[in-house]
Amino acid sequence: MGVEPFLLSSSIVGVLAQRLVRRLCTDCREAYPPDETELALLAAHGRPSVLYRPVGCPNCNQTGYRGRTGIYELLEVDERLRSMIHARDSEQQLRDYAVQSGMKNLRDDGLRWVMSGDTSVEEVIRATRD
């Protein structure tokens, strides 16, 4: 970005990332048992007995989705992270430290919505592809 690291490290309090995911239509969503791949993806969030997928009906214009909701990732800049920015550590090093410090990423937040039946696994994967 052309900004000196000392200016960034002394100015930033936090960084918020957001993506919108489509919400499943409650009139036509279809329950199904999760497969092994989905169970592995959701392992940190529990073991659901049922997930939901889009079907389509007149109420959602045959899309299976109606409305959107946000998924979020908040990176709080503490003194250690501030030092890492100032030292020009790599993006991967910053991300690794943030996750070790408890940051929940976009996919984790999206999977919370999957567990509650509000969106599908496919929708979260689509929105959080790197």
C-alpha atoms as a PDB file:
ATOM      1  CA  MET A   1       0.000   0.000   0.000  1.00  0.00           C
ATOM      2  CA  GLY A   2       3.008   2.263   0.235  1.00  0.00           C
ATOM      3  CA  VAL A   3       2.446   3.088   3.923  1.00  0.00           C
ATOM      4  CA  GLU A   4       5.387   2.852   6.278  1.00  0.00           C
ATOM      5  CA  PRO A   5       4.993   0.062   8.863  1.00  0.00           C
ATOM      6  CA  PHE A   6       5.599   2.399  11.825  1.00  0.00           C
ATOM      7  CA  LEU A   7       2.629   4.526  10.697  1.00  0.00           C
ATOM      8  CA  LEU A   8       0.387   1.462  10.467  1.00  0.00           C
ATOM      9  CA  SER A   9       1.524  -0.102  13.714  1.00  0.00           C
ATOM     10  CA  SER A  10       0.961   3.097  15.678  1.00  0.00           C
ATOM     11  CA  SER A  11      -2.444   3.880  14.128  1.00  0.00           C
ATOM     12  CA  ILE A  12      -4.391   0.629  13.840  1.00  0.00           C
ATOM     13  CA  VAL A  13      -6.517  -0.611  16.722  1.00  0.00           C
ATOM     14  CA  GLY A  14      -8.177  -3.435  14.803  1.00  0.00           C
ATOM     15  CA  VAL A  15      -9.114  -4.709  11.381  1.00  0.00           C
ATOM     16  CA  LEU A  16     -12.586  -6.009  10.547  1.00  0.00           C
ATOM     17  CA  ALA A  17     -13.289  -8.198   7.522  1.00  0.00           C
ATOM     18  CA  GLN A  18     -16.827  -8.976   6.358  1.00  0.00           C
ATOM     19  CA  ARG A  19     -18.491 -11.155   3.753  1.00  0.00           C
ATOM     20  CA  LEU A  20     -22.158 -11.597   3.046  1.00  0.00           C
ATOM     21  CA  VAL A  21     -23.635 -15.078   2.845  1.00  0.00           C
ATOM     22  CA  ARG A  22     -27.080 -15.965   1.608  1.00  0.00           C
ATOM     23  CA  ARG A  23     -29.572 -17.250   4.192  1.00  0.00           C
ATOM     24  CA  LEU A  24     -31.434 -20.440   3.454  1.00  0.00           C
ATOM     25  CA  CYS A  25     -35.130 -20.048   2.707  1.00  0.00           C
ATOM     26  CA  THR A  26     -36.933 -21.386   5.773  1.00  0.00           C
ATOM     27  CA  ASP A  27     -39.908 -22.407   3.628  1.00  0.00           C
ATOM     28  CA  CYS A  28     -38.007 -24.891   1.468  1.00  0.00           C
ATOM     29  CA  ARG A  29     -34.622 -25.714   2.996  1.00  0.00           C
ATOM     30  CA  GLU A  30     -34.009 -29.443   3.098  1.00  0.00           C
ATOM     31  CA  ALA A  31     -32.498 -31.330   6.019  1.00  0.00           C
ATOM     32  CA  TYR A  32     -29.908 -34.007   5.283  1.00  0.00           C
ATOM     33  CA  PRO A  33     -27.330 -35.986   7.258  1.00  0.00           C
ATOM     34  CA  PRO A  34     -23.825 -34.502   6.925  1.00  0.00           C
ATOM     35  CA  ASP A  35     -21.187 -36.532   5.109  1.00  0.00           C
ATOM     36  CA  GLU A  36     -17.707 -37.246   6.481  1.00  0.00           C
ATOM     37  CA  THR A  37     -16.142 -34.254   4.702  1.00  0.00           C
ATOM     38  CA  GLU A  38     -18.700 -31.876   6.225  1.00  0.00           C
ATOM     39  CA  LEU A  39     -18.289 -33.458   9.662  1.00  0.00           C
ATOM     40  CA  ALA A  40     -14.523 -32.933   9.425  1.00  0.00           C
ATOM     41  CA  LEU A  41     -15.019 -29.289   8.406  1.00  0.00           C
ATOM     42  CA  LEU A  42     -17.425 -28.709  11.309  1.00  0.00           C
ATOM     43  CA  ALA A  43     -15.477 -30.727  13.915  1.00  0.00           C
ATOM     44  CA  ALA A  44     -14.433 -27.669  15.931  1.00  0.00           C
ATOM     45  CA  HIS A  45     -18.077 -26.563  16.165  1.00  0.00           C
ATOM     46  CA  GLY A  46     -19.654 -29.847  17.243  1.00  0.00           C
ATOM     47  CA  ARG A  47     -21.094 -32.879  15.501  1.00  0.00           C
ATOM     48  CA  PRO A  48     -24.407 -31.974  13.866  1.00  0.00           C
ATOM     49  CA  SER A  49     -26.900 -34.748  13.170  1.00  0.00           C
ATOM     50  CA  VAL A  50     -28.501 -32.683  10.431  1.00  0.00           C
ATOM     51  CA  LEU A  51     -27.500 -29.885   8.054  1.00  0.00           C
ATOM     52  CA  TYR A  52     -29.602 -27.944   5.564  1.00  0.00           C
ATOM     53  CA  ARG A  53     -29.291 -27.301   1.849  1.00  0.00           C
ATOM     54  CA  PRO A  54     -31.171 -25.046  -0.588  1.00  0.00           C
ATOM     55  CA  VAL A  55     -34.063 -26.450  -2.621  1.00  0.00           C
ATOM     56  CA  GLY A  56     -36.100 -23.607  -4.158  1.00  0.00           C
ATOM     57  CA  CYS A  57     -39.725 -22.546  -3.947  1.00  0.00           C
ATOM     58  CA  PRO A  58     -41.909 -19.620  -5.104  1.00  0.00           C
ATOM     59  CA  ASN A  59     -41.097 -17.684  -1.909  1.00  0.00           C
ATOM     60  CA  CYS A  60     -37.375 -17.532  -2.777  1.00  0.00           C
ATOM     61  CA  ASN A  61     -37.711 -17.416  -6.582  1.00  0.00           C
ATOM     62  CA  GLN A  62     -36.475 -21.009  -6.811  1.00  0.00           C
ATOM     63  CA  THR A  63     -33.021 -20.099  -5.449  1.00  0.00           C
ATOM     64  CA  GLY A  64     -33.247 -21.820  -2.074  1.00  0.00           C
ATOM     65  CA  TYR A  65     -32.041 -18.643  -0.400  1.00  0.00           C
ATOM     66  CA  ARG A  66     -33.828 -15.595   0.964  1.00  0.00           C
ATOM     67  CA  GLY A  67     -31.900 -12.675   2.430  1.00  0.00           C
ATOM     68  CA  ARG A  68     -28.298 -12.324   3.507  1.00  0.00           C
ATOM     69  CA  THR A  69     -26.335 -12.082   6.709  1.00  0.00           C
ATOM     70  CA  GLY A  70     -22.801 -11.035   7.508  1.00  0.00           C
ATOM     71  CA  ILE A  71     -19.922 -13.192   8.627  1.00  0.00           C
ATOM     72  CA  TYR A  72     -17.037 -11.419  10.316  1.00  0.00           C
ATOM     73  CA  GLU A  73     -13.392 -11.666  11.279  1.00  0.00           C
ATOM     74  CA  LEU A  74     -11.947  -9.192  13.776  1.00  0.00           C
ATOM     75  CA  LEU A  75      -8.214  -8.785  14.207  1.00  0.00           C
ATOM     76  CA  GLU A  76      -7.442  -6.853  17.386  1.00  0.00           C
ATOM     77  CA  VAL A  77      -3.999  -5.256  17.286  1.00  0.00           C
ATOM     78  CA  ASP A  78      -2.126  -5.830  20.541  1.00  0.00           C
ATOM     79  CA  GLU A  79       1.447  -4.809  21.375  1.00  0.00           C
ATOM     80  CA  ARG A  80       2.970  -8.019  20.009  1.00  0.00           C
ATOM     81  CA  LEU A  81       1.115  -7.678  16.705  1.00  0.00           C
ATOM     82  CA  ARG A  82       2.071  -3.997  16.585  1.00  0.00           C
ATOM     83  CA  SER A  83       5.734  -5.020  16.903  1.00  0.00           C
ATOM     84  CA  MET A  84       5.329  -7.643  14.180  1.00  0.00           C
ATOM     85  CA  ILE A  85       3.835  -5.055  11.803  1.00  0.00           C
ATOM     86  CA  HIS A  86       6.630  -2.615  12.597  1.00  0.00           C
ATOM     87  CA  ALA A  87       9.201  -5.374  11.907  1.00  0.00           C
ATOM     88  CA  ARG A  88       7.546  -6.082   8.529  1.00  0.00           C
ATOM     89  CA  ASP A  89       6.687  -9.684   9.390  1.00  0.00           C
ATOM     90  CA  SER A  90       4.909 -11.565   6.617  1.00  0.00           C
ATOM     91  CA  GLU A  91       1.153 -11.676   6.241  1.00  0.00           C
ATOM     92  CA  GLN A  92       1.234 -15.391   7.100  1.00  0.00           C
ATOM     93  CA  GLN A  93       3.179 -14.722  10.309  1.00  0.00           C
ATOM     94  CA  LEU A  94       0.651 -12.049  11.310  1.00  0.00           C
ATOM     95  CA  ARG A  95      -2.261 -14.399  10.551  1.00  0.00           C
ATOM     96  CA  ASP A  96      -0.662 -17.289  12.456  1.00  0.00           C
ATOM     97  CA  TYR A  97      -0.152 -15.092  15.508  1.00  0.00           C
ATOM     98  CA  ALA A  98      -3.720 -13.770  15.322  1.00  0.00           C
ATOM     99  CA  VAL A  99      -5.186 -17.287  15.183  1.00  0.00           C
ATOM    100  CA  GLN A 100      -2.956 -18.417  18.079  1.00  0.00           C
ATOM    101  CA  SER A 101      -4.262 -15.413  20.022  1.00  0.00           C
ATOM    102  CA  GLY A 102      -7.860 -16.535  19.558  1.00  0.00           C
ATOM    103  CA  MET A 103      -9.015 -14.715  16.432  1.00  0.00           C
ATOM    104  CA  LYS A 104     -11.972 -16.441  14.753  1.00  0.00           C
ATOM    105  CA  ASN A 105     -11.729 -16.257  10.983  1.00  0.00           C
ATOM    106  CA  LEU A 106     -14.489 -15.708   8.431  1.00  0.00           C
ATOM    107  CA  ARG A 107     -14.974 -19.430   7.836  1.00  0.00           C
ATOM    108  CA  ASP A 108     -15.323 -20.141  11.574  1.00  0.00           C
ATOM    109  CA  ASP A 109     -17.990 -17.463  11.870  1.00  0.00           C
ATOM    110  CA  GLY A 110     -19.763 -18.779   8.774  1.00  0.00           C
ATOM    111  CA  LEU A 111     -19.755 -22.336  10.090  1.00  0.00           C
ATOM    112  CA  ARG A 112     -21.544 -21.070  13.186  1.00  0.00           C
ATOM    113  CA  TRP A 113     -24.385 -20.037  10.845  1.00  0.00           C
ATOM    114  CA  VAL A 114     -24.269 -23.477   9.197  1.00  0.00           C
ATOM    115  CA  MET A 115     -24.630 -25.151  12.601  1.00  0.00           C
ATOM    116  CA  SER A 116     -27.721 -23.067  13.355  1.00  0.00           C
ATOM    117  CA  GLY A 117     -29.311 -24.011  10.008  1.00  0.00           C
ATOM    118  CA  ASP A 118     -29.283 -20.470   8.633  1.00  0.00           C
ATOM    119  CA  THR A 119     -26.974 -21.093   5.669  1.00  0.00           C
ATOM    120  CA  SER A 120     -25.355 -23.974   3.825  1.00  0.00           C
ATOM    121  CA  VAL A 121     -21.826 -25.358   3.924  1.00  0.00           C
ATOM    122  CA  GLU A 122     -21.494 -24.591   0.207  1.00  0.00           C
ATOM    123  CA  GLU A 123     -22.426 -20.947   0.755  1.00  0.00           C
ATOM    124  CA  VAL A 124     -19.806 -20.475   3.478  1.00  0.00           C
ATOM    125  CA  ILE A 125     -17.123 -22.141   1.361  1.00  0.00           C
ATOM    126  CA  ARG A 126     -18.069 -19.927  -1.599  1.00  0.00           C
ATOM    127  CA  ALA A 127     -17.831 -16.764   0.512  1.00  0.00           C
ATOM    128  CA  THR A 128     -14.570 -17.662   2.245  1.00  0.00           C
ATOM    129  CA  ARG A 129     -12.449 -19.016  -0.579  1.00  0.00           C
ATOM    130  CA  ASP A 130      -8.957 -17.565  -0.386  1.00  0.00           C
END
